Amino acid sequence: MNTKIIEQTQQIIDKAFALGFSDVGISEAQPLIEERKKLEHWLSKGYHGTMSYMERYIEQRTFPTLLVPNAKSVITLLLNYYPAKKQNSNAPKISKYAYGKDYHHIIKEKLVELLQFIETQHGAIAGRGFVDSAPLFERALAVKSGLGWIGKNGNLILKKKGSFFFIANLLIDIPLHFTNPKPITDHCGTCKKCIEVCPTQAILPNKIVNATQCISYYTIELKAVLKDKHNPLPLNDWMFGCDVCQDVCPWNKFSTPTKDAALEPYAEIINFEIKDWLNLNEEQFKKLFSKSPLKRTKHAGIQFNLTQAEQC
């Protein structure tokens, strides 16, 4: 590859770090046939539950060029969200990714700025940024770019960095220098801690997660009206999401607090006790968490989860 492309690629990587991204990897925009087979098998088992959106846009997931015509490069970007502060010990538990503001908005702004920077290098290009907003195999793309490997719990894991990262992608129609000269090695070895401690046995062999048995699915994705018909799961005091499989992962002993001020935890999430959440009315909830991932479950969902957690 010519020197100019290598230099331009390094400039993009440097800009991504300047924008606050924690890690950057670049891979070729190729079809993801094996990932498609795994997804279709997962869907055939019904492990997606009510997440019908997982059944859509299979072709776009497989062929990145359907999302960006003539796409040649995939820039995979990670943003560390591991918090410096932990919740009150009397608080119903919330997944760490939801401590602060909704990451979609935070990362999208960074992606827009990065794409604009690339255009200053190359002129008008075709490019799109994605943060859980399009049918992409983002974890597989992260592996292909050399950033890490997929753990037994289905999460992307980075050597000596852990797994508390958001993943974003930027597809562009220009060639870049790819960062993964050889396949990434799986460093989970014989460790099965995530499988053994999962409260609901949602983690299956071969890095498969049955979402319908996952606390995160139950507390976030599954609507309250359906939870009444669903066998209650042992929520273990989780009100929104679940971090058990990540908390026990040996690689997460290397996790370091995020440096992104926009991800600073809400004071309420850190300090609220169970009684505070139970006494929170809908108007107060909307005012406090209008820019939080918690709004996805809504006030009614949070209250229902609290009730379920107390019963389990």
Protein backbone atom coordinates (compact mmCIF):
# COMPACT_ATOMS: atom_id res chain seq x y z
CA MET A 1 0.00 0.00 0.00
CA ASN A 2 1.33 3.44 -0.85
CA THR A 3 2.79 5.79 1.75
CA LYS A 4 0.10 8.41 1.23
CA ILE A 5 -2.69 6.03 2.23
CA ILE A 6 -0.75 4.93 5.32
CA GLU A 7 -0.21 8.58 6.32
CA GLN A 8 -3.87 9.47 5.74
CA THR A 9 -4.96 6.47 7.76
CA GLN A 10 -2.75 7.49 10.68
CA GLN A 11 -4.18 11.00 10.55
CA ILE A 12 -7.69 9.54 10.83
CA ILE A 13 -6.64 7.37 13.77
CA ASP A 14 -5.01 10.34 15.49
CA LYS A 15 -8.17 12.40 14.99
CA ALA A 16 -10.34 9.63 16.42
CA PHE A 17 -8.21 9.55 19.58
CA ALA A 18 -8.36 13.35 19.77
CA LEU A 19 -12.15 13.10 19.70
CA GLY A 20 -12.01 10.86 22.76
CA PHE A 21 -12.35 7.39 21.29
CA SER A 22 -10.48 4.78 23.30
CA ASP A 23 -9.42 2.45 20.47
CA VAL A 24 -9.52 2.43 16.68
CA GLY A 25 -9.34 -0.43 14.20
CA ILE A 26 -9.73 -0.51 10.43
CA SER A 27 -10.80 -3.43 8.26
CA GLU A 28 -11.89 -4.07 4.71
CA ALA A 29 -15.59 -3.76 3.89
CA GLN A 30 -16.11 -7.41 2.99
CA PRO A 31 -19.17 -9.69 3.16
CA LEU A 32 -19.66 -11.30 6.59
CA ILE A 33 -20.92 -14.73 5.56
CA GLU A 34 -19.96 -16.69 8.69
CA GLU A 35 -21.51 -14.08 10.96
CA ARG A 36 -24.71 -14.32 8.95
CA LYS A 37 -24.84 -18.09 9.45
CA LYS A 38 -24.41 -17.65 13.20
CA LEU A 39 -27.17 -15.05 13.32
CA GLU A 40 -29.57 -17.22 11.33
CA HIS A 41 -28.90 -20.16 13.67
CA TRP A 42 -29.48 -17.91 16.71
CA LEU A 43 -32.74 -16.64 15.24
CA SER A 44 -33.91 -20.16 14.36
CA LYS A 45 -33.61 -21.10 18.04
CA GLY A 46 -35.78 -18.16 19.05
CA TYR A 47 -33.04 -16.76 21.27
CA HIS A 48 -33.95 -13.21 20.20
CA GLY A 49 -37.37 -13.37 21.86
CA THR A 50 -39.47 -10.33 21.02
CA MET A 51 -36.59 -8.46 19.37
CA SER A 52 -38.09 -8.83 15.91
CA TYR A 53 -35.76 -6.15 14.52
CA MET A 54 -33.00 -8.76 14.66
CA GLU A 55 -34.81 -10.65 11.91
CA ARG A 56 -34.77 -7.70 9.51
CA TYR A 57 -32.13 -6.44 7.08
CA ILE A 58 -30.11 -9.66 7.01
CA GLU A 59 -28.67 -8.74 3.63
CA GLN A 60 -27.46 -5.36 4.87
CA ARG A 61 -25.81 -7.02 7.86
CA THR A 62 -23.99 -9.36 5.51
CA PHE A 63 -22.92 -6.88 2.84
CA PRO A 64 -21.70 -3.48 4.14
CA THR A 65 -21.78 -2.12 0.60
CA LEU A 66 -25.59 -2.18 0.79
CA LEU A 67 -25.36 0.45 3.52
CA VAL A 68 -22.70 2.53 1.80
CA PRO A 69 -22.35 1.83 -1.95
CA ASN A 70 -18.79 0.94 -2.94
CA ALA A 71 -17.70 0.97 0.70
CA LYS A 72 -14.05 -0.07 0.93
CA SER A 73 -13.11 0.50 4.57
CA VAL A 74 -14.74 0.03 7.97
CA ILE A 75 -13.43 2.16 10.81
CA THR A 76 -14.36 0.58 14.14
CA LEU A 77 -14.24 2.89 17.13
CA LEU A 78 -14.50 2.07 20.81
CA LEU A 79 -15.43 4.36 23.68
CA ASN A 80 -14.63 3.30 27.23
CA TYR A 81 -17.60 3.75 29.57
CA TYR A 82 -16.27 2.18 32.77
CA PRO A 83 -17.36 4.56 35.56
CA ALA A 84 -15.13 6.03 38.26
CA LYS A 85 -18.06 6.03 40.69
CA LYS A 86 -20.19 3.09 41.80
CA GLN A 87 -23.81 2.99 42.92
CA ASN A 88 -24.96 3.24 46.51
CA SER A 89 -24.89 -0.27 48.01
CA ASN A 90 -28.62 0.05 48.81
CA ALA A 91 -29.54 0.93 45.25
CA PRO A 92 -31.31 -1.34 42.77
CA LYS A 93 -28.59 -2.15 40.27
CA ILE A 94 -28.19 -0.46 36.90
CA SER A 95 -25.85 -1.58 34.12
CA LYS A 96 -22.76 0.64 34.01
CA TYR A 97 -23.34 1.68 30.41
CA ALA A 98 -26.49 3.51 31.58
CA TYR A 99 -24.94 5.53 34.42
CA GLY A 100 -24.60 8.66 32.30
CA LYS A 101 -26.14 10.25 29.22
CA ASP A 102 -27.35 8.17 26.29
CA TYR A 103 -24.19 7.15 24.44
CA HIS A 104 -25.91 7.22 21.05
CA HIS A 105 -25.98 11.02 21.03
CA ILE A 106 -22.47 11.36 22.44
CA ILE A 107 -20.90 9.06 19.87
CA LYS A 108 -22.91 10.32 16.89
CA GLU A 109 -21.50 13.80 17.40
CA LYS A 110 -17.98 12.37 17.38
CA LEU A 111 -18.70 10.36 14.22
CA VAL A 112 -20.00 13.42 12.39
CA GLU A 113 -16.85 15.34 13.29
CA LEU A 114 -14.61 12.44 12.24
CA LEU A 115 -16.38 12.11 8.89
CA GLN A 116 -16.01 15.85 8.31
CA PHE A 117 -12.31 15.56 9.06
CA ILE A 118 -11.92 12.75 6.51
CA GLU A 119 -13.67 14.89 3.92
CA THR A 120 -11.10 17.64 4.46
CA GLN A 121 -8.50 15.06 3.42
CA HIS A 122 -10.28 13.51 0.48
CA GLY A 123 -13.03 15.87 -0.61
CA ALA A 124 -16.59 14.59 -0.98
CA ILE A 125 -16.88 10.92 -0.05
CA ALA A 126 -19.67 8.45 0.63
CA GLY A 127 -19.68 7.60 4.31
CA ARG A 128 -22.03 6.81 7.19
CA GLY A 129 -21.56 6.42 10.91
CA PHE A 130 -23.44 3.86 12.98
CA VAL A 131 -24.04 3.39 16.71
CA ASP A 132 -26.53 0.56 17.18
CA SER A 133 -28.53 2.39 14.52
CA ALA A 134 -28.11 0.03 11.59
CA PRO A 135 -27.86 -3.68 10.89
CA LEU A 136 -24.14 -4.22 11.37
CA PHE A 137 -22.13 -7.03 12.94
CA GLU A 138 -20.20 -4.46 14.96
CA ARG A 139 -18.47 -6.94 17.27
CA ALA A 140 -17.35 -9.09 14.36
CA LEU A 141 -16.03 -5.98 12.61
CA ALA A 142 -14.12 -5.05 15.75
CA VAL A 143 -12.50 -8.49 15.74
CA LYS A 144 -11.64 -8.23 12.05
CA SER A 145 -9.93 -4.90 12.69
CA GLY A 146 -7.73 -6.48 15.35
CA LEU A 147 -9.20 -4.79 18.42
CA GLY A 148 -10.08 -7.90 20.41
CA TRP A 149 -11.99 -11.16 20.47
CA ILE A 150 -15.50 -12.33 21.30
CA GLY A 151 -15.72 -13.78 24.79
CA LYS A 152 -17.88 -16.68 25.95
CA ASN A 153 -20.48 -14.12 27.08
CA GLY A 154 -20.73 -12.70 23.56
CA ASN A 155 -18.97 -9.44 24.43
CA LEU A 156 -15.97 -7.93 22.69
CA ILE A 157 -12.94 -8.24 24.98
CA LEU A 158 -9.67 -6.36 24.65
CA LYS A 159 -6.46 -7.76 26.07
CA LYS A 160 -5.47 -5.87 29.23
CA LYS A 161 -8.40 -3.48 28.75
CA GLY A 162 -11.55 -5.53 29.29
CA SER A 163 -15.01 -5.21 27.77
CA PHE A 164 -16.65 -2.05 29.08
CA PHE A 165 -16.69 -0.32 25.69
CA PHE A 166 -19.29 1.11 23.33
CA ILE A 167 -18.76 0.15 19.68
CA ALA A 168 -19.31 2.45 16.70
CA ASN A 169 -18.56 2.07 12.99
CA LEU A 170 -17.83 4.41 10.13
CA LEU A 171 -18.20 3.00 6.60
CA ILE A 172 -16.44 4.94 3.86
CA ASP A 173 -15.83 4.43 0.14
CA ILE A 174 -12.09 5.09 0.16
CA PRO A 175 -9.24 2.63 0.77
CA LEU A 176 -7.35 2.84 4.05
CA HIS A 177 -4.52 0.89 5.66
CA PHE A 178 -6.02 -2.07 7.52
CA THR A 179 -4.89 -2.56 11.12
CA ASN A 180 -5.22 -6.34 11.47
CA PRO A 181 -2.42 -8.23 9.67
CA LYS A 182 -3.41 -11.59 11.21
CA PRO A 183 -6.47 -13.13 12.92
CA ILE A 184 -6.98 -12.05 16.52
CA THR A 185 -6.35 -14.71 19.18
CA ASP A 186 -9.05 -15.74 21.67
CA HIS A 187 -7.66 -15.27 25.18
CA CYS A 188 -10.57 -16.67 27.22
CA GLY A 189 -8.87 -20.05 27.39
CA THR A 190 -10.60 -22.51 29.73
CA CYS A 191 -12.15 -19.76 31.88
CA LYS A 192 -15.92 -20.19 32.35
CA LYS A 193 -16.60 -17.64 35.07
CA CYS A 194 -19.15 -15.71 33.03
CA ILE A 195 -21.07 -18.91 32.29
CA GLU A 196 -20.94 -20.17 35.86
CA VAL A 197 -22.13 -16.99 37.56
CA CYS A 198 -24.89 -15.97 35.15
CA PRO A 199 -27.95 -15.83 37.45
CA THR A 200 -30.27 -17.19 34.75
CA GLN A 201 -27.98 -19.55 32.81
CA ALA A 202 -28.43 -17.40 29.72
CA ILE A 203 -24.89 -18.04 28.44
CA LEU A 204 -24.71 -21.19 26.36
CA PRO A 205 -21.78 -23.05 24.76
CA ASN A 206 -20.04 -21.67 21.65
CA LYS A 207 -20.41 -18.02 22.69
CA ILE A 208 -24.19 -18.06 22.34
CA VAL A 209 -26.46 -16.04 24.61
CA ASN A 210 -30.13 -16.90 24.93
CA ALA A 211 -31.50 -13.39 25.23
CA THR A 212 -34.87 -14.62 26.50
CA GLN A 213 -33.11 -15.84 29.65
CA CYS A 214 -30.97 -12.72 30.06
CA ILE A 215 -31.70 -10.18 32.80
CA SER A 216 -30.80 -7.33 30.44
CA TYR A 217 -33.43 -8.51 27.95
CA TYR A 218 -36.01 -9.00 30.69
CA THR A 219 -35.49 -5.58 32.29
CA ILE A 220 -35.05 -3.53 29.11
CA GLU A 221 -36.40 -5.21 25.97
CA LEU A 222 -39.38 -7.17 27.28
CA LYS A 223 -42.46 -5.01 27.76
CA ALA A 224 -44.29 -5.09 31.10
CA VAL A 225 -47.45 -6.48 29.50
CA LEU A 226 -45.43 -9.49 28.27
CA LYS A 227 -43.51 -9.94 31.52
CA ASP A 228 -46.75 -10.98 33.20
CA LYS A 229 -46.85 -13.93 30.81
CA HIS A 230 -43.14 -14.66 31.08
CA ASN A 231 -41.62 -16.86 33.74
CA PRO A 232 -40.11 -14.35 36.21
CA LEU A 233 -36.32 -14.38 36.23
CA PRO A 234 -34.21 -14.07 39.38
CA LEU A 235 -33.26 -10.43 38.88
CA ASN A 236 -30.75 -10.33 41.75
CA ASP A 237 -31.65 -6.68 42.45
CA TRP A 238 -31.02 -5.61 38.83
CA MET A 239 -33.41 -2.83 37.82
CA PHE A 240 -31.96 -2.02 34.39
CA GLY A 241 -29.63 -4.34 32.52
CA CYS A 242 -27.06 -6.66 34.08
CA ASP A 243 -23.25 -6.63 34.32
CA VAL A 244 -22.63 -9.90 36.13
CA CYS A 245 -20.85 -11.66 33.25
CA GLN A 246 -18.60 -8.65 32.72
CA ASP A 247 -17.91 -7.99 36.39
CA VAL A 248 -16.46 -11.48 36.88
CA CYS A 249 -14.39 -11.48 33.67
CA PRO A 250 -10.69 -11.60 34.64
CA TRP A 251 -9.83 -9.22 31.82
CA ASN A 252 -11.97 -6.50 33.38
CA LYS A 253 -9.54 -6.17 36.26
CA PHE A 254 -7.70 -3.97 33.75
CA SER A 255 -10.69 -1.65 33.26
CA THR A 256 -9.92 2.01 33.86
CA PRO A 257 -12.41 4.87 34.37
CA THR A 258 -13.60 6.68 31.25
CA LYS A 259 -12.09 10.07 30.52
CA ASP A 260 -15.19 11.27 28.66
CA ALA A 261 -16.90 13.91 30.81
CA ALA A 262 -20.16 13.39 28.90
CA LEU A 263 -20.43 9.94 30.45
CA GLU A 264 -20.24 11.24 34.03
CA PRO A 265 -22.81 9.28 36.08
CA TYR A 266 -26.07 10.93 37.09
CA ALA A 267 -25.98 11.81 40.79
CA GLU A 268 -29.36 10.13 41.20
CA ILE A 269 -28.12 6.85 39.76
CA ILE A 270 -25.18 6.85 42.14
CA ASN A 271 -27.02 8.03 45.26
CA PHE A 272 -30.64 6.87 45.00
CA GLU A 273 -31.74 4.04 47.27
CA ILE A 274 -34.67 1.71 46.57
CA LYS A 275 -37.14 3.99 48.36
CA ASP A 276 -36.08 6.93 46.18
CA TRP A 277 -36.78 5.00 43.00
CA LEU A 278 -40.11 3.76 44.31
CA ASN A 279 -41.16 7.31 45.26
CA LEU A 280 -40.16 8.74 41.88
CA ASN A 281 -43.25 9.74 39.88
CA GLU A 282 -43.46 9.75 36.09
CA GLU A 283 -43.03 13.52 35.71
CA GLN A 284 -39.91 13.48 37.90
CA PHE A 285 -38.54 10.49 36.00
CA LYS A 286 -38.96 12.22 32.63
CA LYS A 287 -37.32 15.39 33.91
CA LEU A 288 -34.32 13.61 35.43
CA PHE A 289 -33.69 10.97 32.76
CA SER A 290 -34.82 12.53 29.47
CA LYS A 291 -31.27 12.09 28.10
CA SER A 292 -30.55 8.78 29.82
CA PRO A 293 -30.71 5.23 28.46
CA LEU A 294 -33.23 4.58 31.26
CA LYS A 295 -35.88 6.40 29.23
CA ARG A 296 -36.03 3.36 26.97
CA THR A 297 -37.73 1.33 29.69
CA LYS A 298 -39.84 4.32 30.76
CA HIS A 299 -41.11 5.03 34.26
CA ALA A 300 -43.64 2.19 34.16
CA GLY A 301 -40.98 -0.32 33.17
CA ILE A 302 -38.62 0.79 35.94
CA GLN A 303 -41.38 0.51 38.53
CA PHE A 304 -42.37 -2.93 37.24
CA ASN A 305 -38.74 -4.12 37.39
CA LEU A 306 -38.45 -2.90 40.96
CA THR A 307 -41.56 -4.87 41.90
CA GLN A 308 -40.24 -7.99 40.15
CA ALA A 309 -36.83 -7.66 41.78
CA GLU A 310 -38.44 -7.55 45.21
CA GLN A 311 -40.46 -10.69 44.49
CA CYS A 312 -37.52 -12.72 43.14
